[in-house]
Amino acid sequence: MLKKILKWTGITIGSLLVIVLVFYAVAYFNTEARINKVYDVKLDKLVIPTDSVSYNEGKHIAENRGCLGCHGQNLAGGIVFFDETSPLGILATANLTSGKGGIHYTDEDWVRALRHGLGKDNKSVWFMPSNEVCNISNHDMAALICFLKQEPPVDKMVPAKSITPLTRVLVYLDKFQLFPAEIIDHNAVYKDTVLPAVTAAYGEYLTTSCQGCHGAQMKGNPPHGDNEPPIPNISSTGNVGNWKDTDFITALRTGNTPEGKQLTDYMPWRALTFTDDELKAIYLYLHGLK
């Protein structure tokens, strides 16, 4: 009897191992195919300005679209999301300057990365939220690239990226968005200009980069990591729905909410340079989200 139990226990364990190995093999080859997929895209022919007005416009966009939050004030990157101790792999932001360890992009390379989420090889970049910035107007995109190109070179080597089997499984199960190129409409046509206005429509235009944390409808999300707070609902159904536009502006300027709370530093409010009119437009948009 004992021999039969041991036999069937061995068979069961062996079968489970085979199932796990087959599942991982499928996940591995699926993610490898997605990593190495070469996209055929038509790049917009943008004329990149070099004047100081465009530079300052581009800096303002970079501050409020999260570019500096991820790549640093000097754009040298190296901000680590996952390191060698992480079960997910190694992932750090790129050095966007032309210094040693930088990316050395042409105008077309910038368009390819920001509009399509693709590297020089036309394969998807990893983890960069190009899908949250690709929609900006041609004017704003050109200004942003103007700023990015003119920043001084910084010599900084960034760790080579890699992912673990766990990450492959999460990516395969669509539990981890690693490849922005997969969720971008590569045939989209973007407006030449989007004029600033104190409207909900302009507020929506300004907040696409907020969706990565707060969600597509700004309803919030679970914490990004251990010891981090939940990401709040900032639509009309959250606390923000009870605020006046002046309360909203004060919170984003000082970090102090009408409830007497302090905004966490996981929310990069200190880095935001939105004007009062831009914040009013964002407020109108958020209050329209039911």
Protein backbone atom coordinates (compact mmCIF):
# COMPACT_ATOMS: atom_id res chain seq x y z
CA MET A 1 0.00 0.00 0.00
CA LEU A 2 2.80 2.37 0.94
CA LYS A 3 4.57 1.65 -2.35
CA LYS A 4 1.41 2.54 -4.28
CA ILE A 5 1.03 5.79 -2.35
CA LEU A 6 4.66 6.71 -3.01
CA LYS A 7 4.29 5.75 -6.66
CA TRP A 8 1.22 7.91 -7.22
CA THR A 9 2.70 10.74 -5.19
CA GLY A 10 5.75 10.65 -7.46
CA ILE A 11 3.59 10.56 -10.57
CA THR A 12 1.52 13.51 -9.30
CA ILE A 13 4.57 15.58 -8.43
CA GLY A 14 6.22 14.70 -11.73
CA SER A 15 3.08 15.65 -13.67
CA LEU A 16 2.86 18.96 -11.86
CA LEU A 17 6.50 19.69 -12.63
CA VAL A 18 5.92 18.92 -16.30
CA ILE A 19 2.91 21.26 -16.34
CA VAL A 20 4.91 24.03 -14.66
CA LEU A 21 7.83 23.59 -17.07
CA VAL A 22 5.54 23.61 -20.11
CA PHE A 23 3.75 26.72 -18.80
CA TYR A 24 7.04 28.52 -18.20
CA ALA A 25 8.34 27.50 -21.63
CA VAL A 26 5.25 29.06 -23.19
CA ALA A 27 5.70 32.21 -21.09
CA TYR A 28 9.41 32.38 -21.96
CA PHE A 29 8.98 32.10 -25.71
CA ASN A 30 6.02 34.46 -25.64
CA THR A 31 7.98 37.18 -23.85
CA GLU A 32 11.08 36.58 -25.99
CA ALA A 33 8.97 37.09 -29.11
CA ARG A 34 7.59 40.32 -27.69
CA ILE A 35 11.03 41.55 -26.63
CA ASN A 36 12.43 40.94 -30.12
CA LYS A 37 9.43 42.08 -32.15
CA VAL A 38 10.48 44.67 -34.73
CA TYR A 39 7.81 47.30 -35.41
CA ASP A 40 7.34 48.90 -38.80
CA VAL A 41 6.26 52.47 -38.09
CA LYS A 42 6.08 55.70 -40.03
CA LEU A 43 7.79 58.45 -38.09
CA ASP A 44 6.39 61.98 -37.95
CA LYS A 45 8.68 64.49 -39.61
CA LEU A 46 8.98 67.06 -36.86
CA VAL A 47 11.09 70.19 -37.14
CA ILE A 48 12.85 70.50 -33.80
CA PRO A 49 13.37 74.14 -32.75
CA THR A 50 16.43 75.40 -30.92
CA ASP A 51 15.24 78.75 -29.52
CA SER A 52 14.99 79.57 -25.82
CA VAL A 53 11.19 79.90 -25.81
CA SER A 54 10.79 76.38 -27.17
CA TYR A 55 13.41 75.11 -24.71
CA ASN A 56 11.47 76.55 -21.76
CA GLU A 57 8.20 75.14 -23.12
CA GLY A 58 9.85 71.74 -23.44
CA LYS A 59 11.23 71.92 -19.90
CA HIS A 60 7.76 72.73 -18.58
CA ILE A 61 6.36 69.71 -20.43
CA ALA A 62 9.16 67.45 -19.16
CA GLU A 63 8.53 68.54 -15.56
CA ASN A 64 4.80 67.86 -15.72
CA ARG A 65 4.88 64.70 -17.85
CA GLY A 66 7.17 62.94 -15.40
CA CYS A 67 10.35 62.94 -17.50
CA LEU A 68 12.47 64.54 -14.79
CA GLY A 69 10.81 62.51 -12.08
CA CYS A 70 12.14 59.31 -13.66
CA HIS A 71 15.34 60.46 -15.35
CA GLY A 72 16.45 63.07 -12.83
CA GLN A 73 16.87 66.83 -13.02
CA ASN A 74 19.96 66.40 -15.21
CA LEU A 75 18.35 63.60 -17.30
CA ALA A 76 21.25 61.27 -16.46
CA GLY A 77 18.88 58.53 -15.30
CA GLY A 78 20.08 55.68 -13.17
CA ILE A 79 17.03 55.78 -10.92
CA VAL A 80 16.57 52.13 -9.99
CA PHE A 81 13.15 50.49 -10.08
CA PHE A 82 14.53 46.97 -9.55
CA ASP A 83 18.06 45.99 -8.57
CA GLU A 84 19.98 42.72 -8.20
CA THR A 85 18.11 41.97 -4.95
CA SER A 86 14.70 42.21 -6.63
CA PRO A 87 12.78 39.08 -7.63
CA LEU A 88 11.76 40.92 -10.80
CA GLY A 89 15.17 41.63 -12.31
CA ILE A 90 17.24 44.76 -12.94
CA LEU A 91 15.65 47.90 -14.32
CA ALA A 92 16.88 51.49 -14.12
CA THR A 93 16.03 54.62 -16.07
CA ALA A 94 18.20 55.50 -19.04
CA ASN A 95 20.76 58.28 -19.23
CA LEU A 96 19.06 60.57 -21.78
CA THR A 97 22.06 62.83 -22.28
CA SER A 98 24.83 62.52 -24.86
CA GLY A 99 27.45 61.77 -22.20
CA LYS A 100 29.19 58.44 -21.64
CA GLY A 101 26.53 55.84 -20.99
CA GLY A 102 23.88 58.05 -22.65
CA ILE A 103 21.60 57.24 -25.55
CA HIS A 104 22.91 59.57 -28.31
CA TYR A 105 19.57 60.01 -30.09
CA THR A 106 18.88 61.73 -33.40
CA ASP A 107 15.66 63.70 -33.92
CA GLU A 108 14.07 60.62 -35.47
CA ASP A 109 15.21 58.46 -32.56
CA TRP A 110 13.46 60.83 -30.14
CA VAL A 111 10.25 60.67 -32.15
CA ARG A 112 10.50 56.90 -32.36
CA ALA A 113 10.87 56.57 -28.58
CA LEU A 114 8.32 59.18 -27.49
CA ARG A 115 5.64 58.61 -30.13
CA HIS A 116 5.99 54.85 -30.51
CA GLY A 117 7.80 53.51 -27.45
CA LEU A 118 10.56 52.07 -29.61
CA GLY A 119 14.34 52.04 -29.40
CA LYS A 120 16.75 52.63 -32.27
CA ASP A 121 16.29 48.99 -33.29
CA ASN A 122 12.50 49.46 -33.63
CA LYS A 123 11.94 47.08 -30.72
CA SER A 124 9.86 48.14 -27.73
CA VAL A 125 11.63 49.98 -24.94
CA TRP A 126 11.02 48.56 -21.48
CA PHE A 127 8.76 50.14 -18.87
CA MET A 128 9.06 53.68 -20.23
CA PRO A 129 5.52 55.15 -20.28
CA SER A 130 5.66 56.39 -23.87
CA ASN A 131 1.96 55.53 -24.08
CA GLU A 132 1.29 58.38 -21.63
CA VAL A 133 3.15 61.05 -23.59
CA CYS A 134 2.77 59.96 -27.22
CA ASN A 135 -0.51 61.88 -27.57
CA ILE A 136 0.88 65.39 -27.09
CA SER A 137 0.64 67.77 -30.04
CA ASN A 138 3.36 68.04 -32.66
CA HIS A 139 4.22 71.50 -31.31
CA ASP A 140 4.59 70.23 -27.75
CA MET A 141 6.50 67.13 -28.86
CA ALA A 142 8.96 69.26 -30.82
CA ALA A 143 9.43 71.57 -27.81
CA LEU A 144 9.98 68.59 -25.50
CA ILE A 145 12.62 67.15 -27.83
CA CYS A 146 14.22 70.60 -28.07
CA PHE A 147 14.66 70.58 -24.29
CA LEU A 148 15.88 66.98 -24.11
CA LYS A 149 18.50 67.56 -26.84
CA GLN A 150 19.95 70.68 -25.27
CA GLU A 151 20.62 69.34 -21.79
CA PRO A 152 24.38 69.09 -21.07
CA PRO A 153 26.03 65.67 -21.44
CA VAL A 154 26.51 63.70 -18.22
CA ASP A 155 28.78 60.69 -17.95
CA LYS A 156 26.82 58.02 -16.13
CA MET A 157 26.64 54.32 -16.77
CA VAL A 158 23.29 52.65 -16.11
CA PRO A 159 22.96 48.94 -15.18
CA ALA A 160 21.96 46.67 -18.05
CA LYS A 161 18.31 45.66 -17.84
CA SER A 162 17.19 42.08 -17.28
CA ILE A 163 14.09 40.23 -16.13
CA THR A 164 13.60 37.11 -14.05
CA PRO A 165 11.34 34.10 -14.70
CA LEU A 166 8.79 35.65 -12.33
CA THR A 167 8.60 38.81 -14.42
CA ARG A 168 8.22 36.78 -17.60
CA VAL A 169 5.25 34.99 -16.07
CA LEU A 170 3.69 38.28 -14.92
CA VAL A 171 4.18 39.83 -18.35
CA TYR A 172 2.73 36.74 -20.03
CA LEU A 173 -0.33 36.91 -17.77
CA ASP A 174 -0.71 40.66 -18.48
CA LYS A 175 -0.12 41.46 -14.82
CA PHE A 176 2.91 43.65 -15.57
CA GLN A 177 3.05 46.14 -18.44
CA LEU A 178 6.63 46.03 -19.68
CA PHE A 179 6.32 46.87 -23.38
CA PRO A 180 4.69 50.26 -24.07
CA ALA A 181 4.85 49.73 -27.83
CA GLU A 182 2.16 47.07 -27.47
CA ILE A 183 -0.45 49.55 -26.23
CA ILE A 184 0.26 52.49 -28.56
CA ASP A 185 -1.73 53.13 -31.73
CA HIS A 186 1.15 53.43 -34.19
CA ASN A 187 -1.16 54.77 -36.90
CA ALA A 188 -2.58 57.58 -34.80
CA VAL A 189 -2.50 61.11 -36.19
CA TYR A 190 -1.79 63.84 -33.66
CA LYS A 191 -2.82 67.50 -33.67
CA ASP A 192 -0.29 70.10 -34.70
CA THR A 193 -1.21 72.27 -31.72
CA VAL A 194 -3.40 72.06 -28.64
CA LEU A 195 -4.18 75.54 -27.36
CA PRO A 196 -4.16 76.07 -23.59
CA ALA A 197 -7.58 76.72 -22.10
CA VAL A 198 -9.30 76.47 -18.74
CA THR A 199 -11.46 73.56 -19.88
CA ALA A 200 -11.97 69.94 -18.92
CA ALA A 201 -10.78 68.91 -22.38
CA TYR A 202 -7.44 70.65 -21.86
CA GLY A 203 -7.25 69.16 -18.36
CA GLU A 204 -7.62 65.69 -19.86
CA TYR A 205 -4.83 66.49 -22.32
CA LEU A 206 -2.54 67.46 -19.44
CA THR A 207 -3.24 64.42 -17.26
CA THR A 208 -2.53 61.42 -19.49
CA SER A 209 0.75 60.97 -17.64
CA CYS A 210 -1.18 60.70 -14.34
CA GLN A 211 -2.94 57.55 -15.55
CA GLY A 212 0.09 55.33 -14.93
CA CYS A 213 -0.42 55.69 -11.19
CA HIS A 214 -4.04 56.75 -10.72
CA GLY A 215 -5.57 54.62 -13.48
CA ALA A 216 -7.36 55.47 -16.72
CA GLN A 217 -10.36 56.89 -14.85
CA MET A 218 -8.28 58.31 -11.99
CA LYS A 219 -9.96 55.95 -9.50
CA GLY A 220 -6.70 55.00 -7.81
CA ASN A 221 -4.72 51.79 -7.52
CA PRO A 222 -3.09 49.54 -4.91
CA PRO A 223 0.37 50.57 -3.62
CA HIS A 224 3.25 50.21 -6.03
CA GLY A 225 5.46 48.60 -3.44
CA ASP A 226 5.97 47.62 0.16
CA ASN A 227 5.58 50.44 2.68
CA GLU A 228 3.97 52.68 0.07
CA PRO A 229 0.45 54.06 0.54
CA PRO A 230 -2.46 53.15 -1.74
CA ILE A 231 -2.74 55.45 -4.75
CA PRO A 232 -5.83 57.59 -4.15
CA ASN A 233 -8.96 58.11 -6.18
CA ILE A 234 -8.65 61.66 -7.55
CA SER A 235 -11.85 61.65 -9.59
CA SER A 236 -15.08 63.33 -8.48
CA THR A 237 -15.90 60.22 -6.42
CA GLY A 238 -12.78 60.64 -4.24
CA ASN A 239 -11.83 63.34 -1.74
CA VAL A 240 -10.94 65.68 -4.60
CA GLY A 241 -14.62 65.70 -5.50
CA ASN A 242 -15.27 67.68 -2.32
CA TRP A 243 -12.58 70.25 -3.00
CA LYS A 244 -12.87 73.69 -4.58
CA ASP A 245 -10.47 74.57 -7.39
CA THR A 246 -8.57 76.78 -4.92
CA ASP A 247 -8.22 73.79 -2.58
CA PHE A 248 -6.83 71.73 -5.45
CA ILE A 249 -4.30 74.40 -6.38
CA THR A 250 -3.22 74.80 -2.74
CA ALA A 251 -2.75 71.04 -2.36
CA LEU A 252 -0.56 70.83 -5.47
CA ARG A 253 1.41 73.92 -4.46
CA THR A 254 1.96 73.20 -0.76
CA GLY A 255 1.19 69.50 -0.30
CA ASN A 256 -1.52 70.39 2.24
CA THR A 257 -5.04 69.05 1.61
CA PRO A 258 -8.29 70.61 2.87
CA GLU A 259 -8.62 67.66 5.27
CA GLY A 260 -5.43 68.77 7.00
CA LYS A 261 -3.33 65.96 5.55
CA GLN A 262 0.06 66.16 3.83
CA LEU A 263 0.49 64.71 0.36
CA THR A 264 2.96 61.84 0.38
CA ASP A 265 6.27 62.31 -1.43
CA TYR A 266 5.38 59.25 -3.49
CA MET A 267 3.14 61.74 -5.27
CA PRO A 268 5.69 64.01 -7.04
CA TRP A 269 3.80 67.23 -6.32
CA ARG A 270 7.01 69.13 -5.55
CA ALA A 271 8.26 68.56 -9.11
CA LEU A 272 5.11 69.83 -10.82
CA THR A 273 5.22 73.31 -12.37
CA PHE A 274 1.67 73.58 -13.73
CA THR A 275 0.32 77.12 -13.94
CA ASP A 276 -2.82 78.06 -12.01
CA ASP A 277 -4.85 77.94 -15.24
CA GLU A 278 -3.47 74.48 -16.04
CA LEU A 279 -4.41 73.27 -12.56
CA LYS A 280 -7.89 74.72 -12.95
CA ALA A 281 -8.27 72.80 -16.22
CA ILE A 282 -7.10 69.58 -14.53
CA TYR A 283 -9.55 70.21 -11.69
CA LEU A 284 -12.42 70.59 -14.17
CA TYR A 285 -11.46 67.33 -15.87
CA LEU A 286 -11.19 65.37 -12.62
CA HIS A 287 -14.53 66.72 -11.43
CA GLY A 288 -16.13 65.50 -14.63
CA LEU A 289 -15.07 61.91 -13.94
CA LYS A 290 -18.05 60.25 -12.27
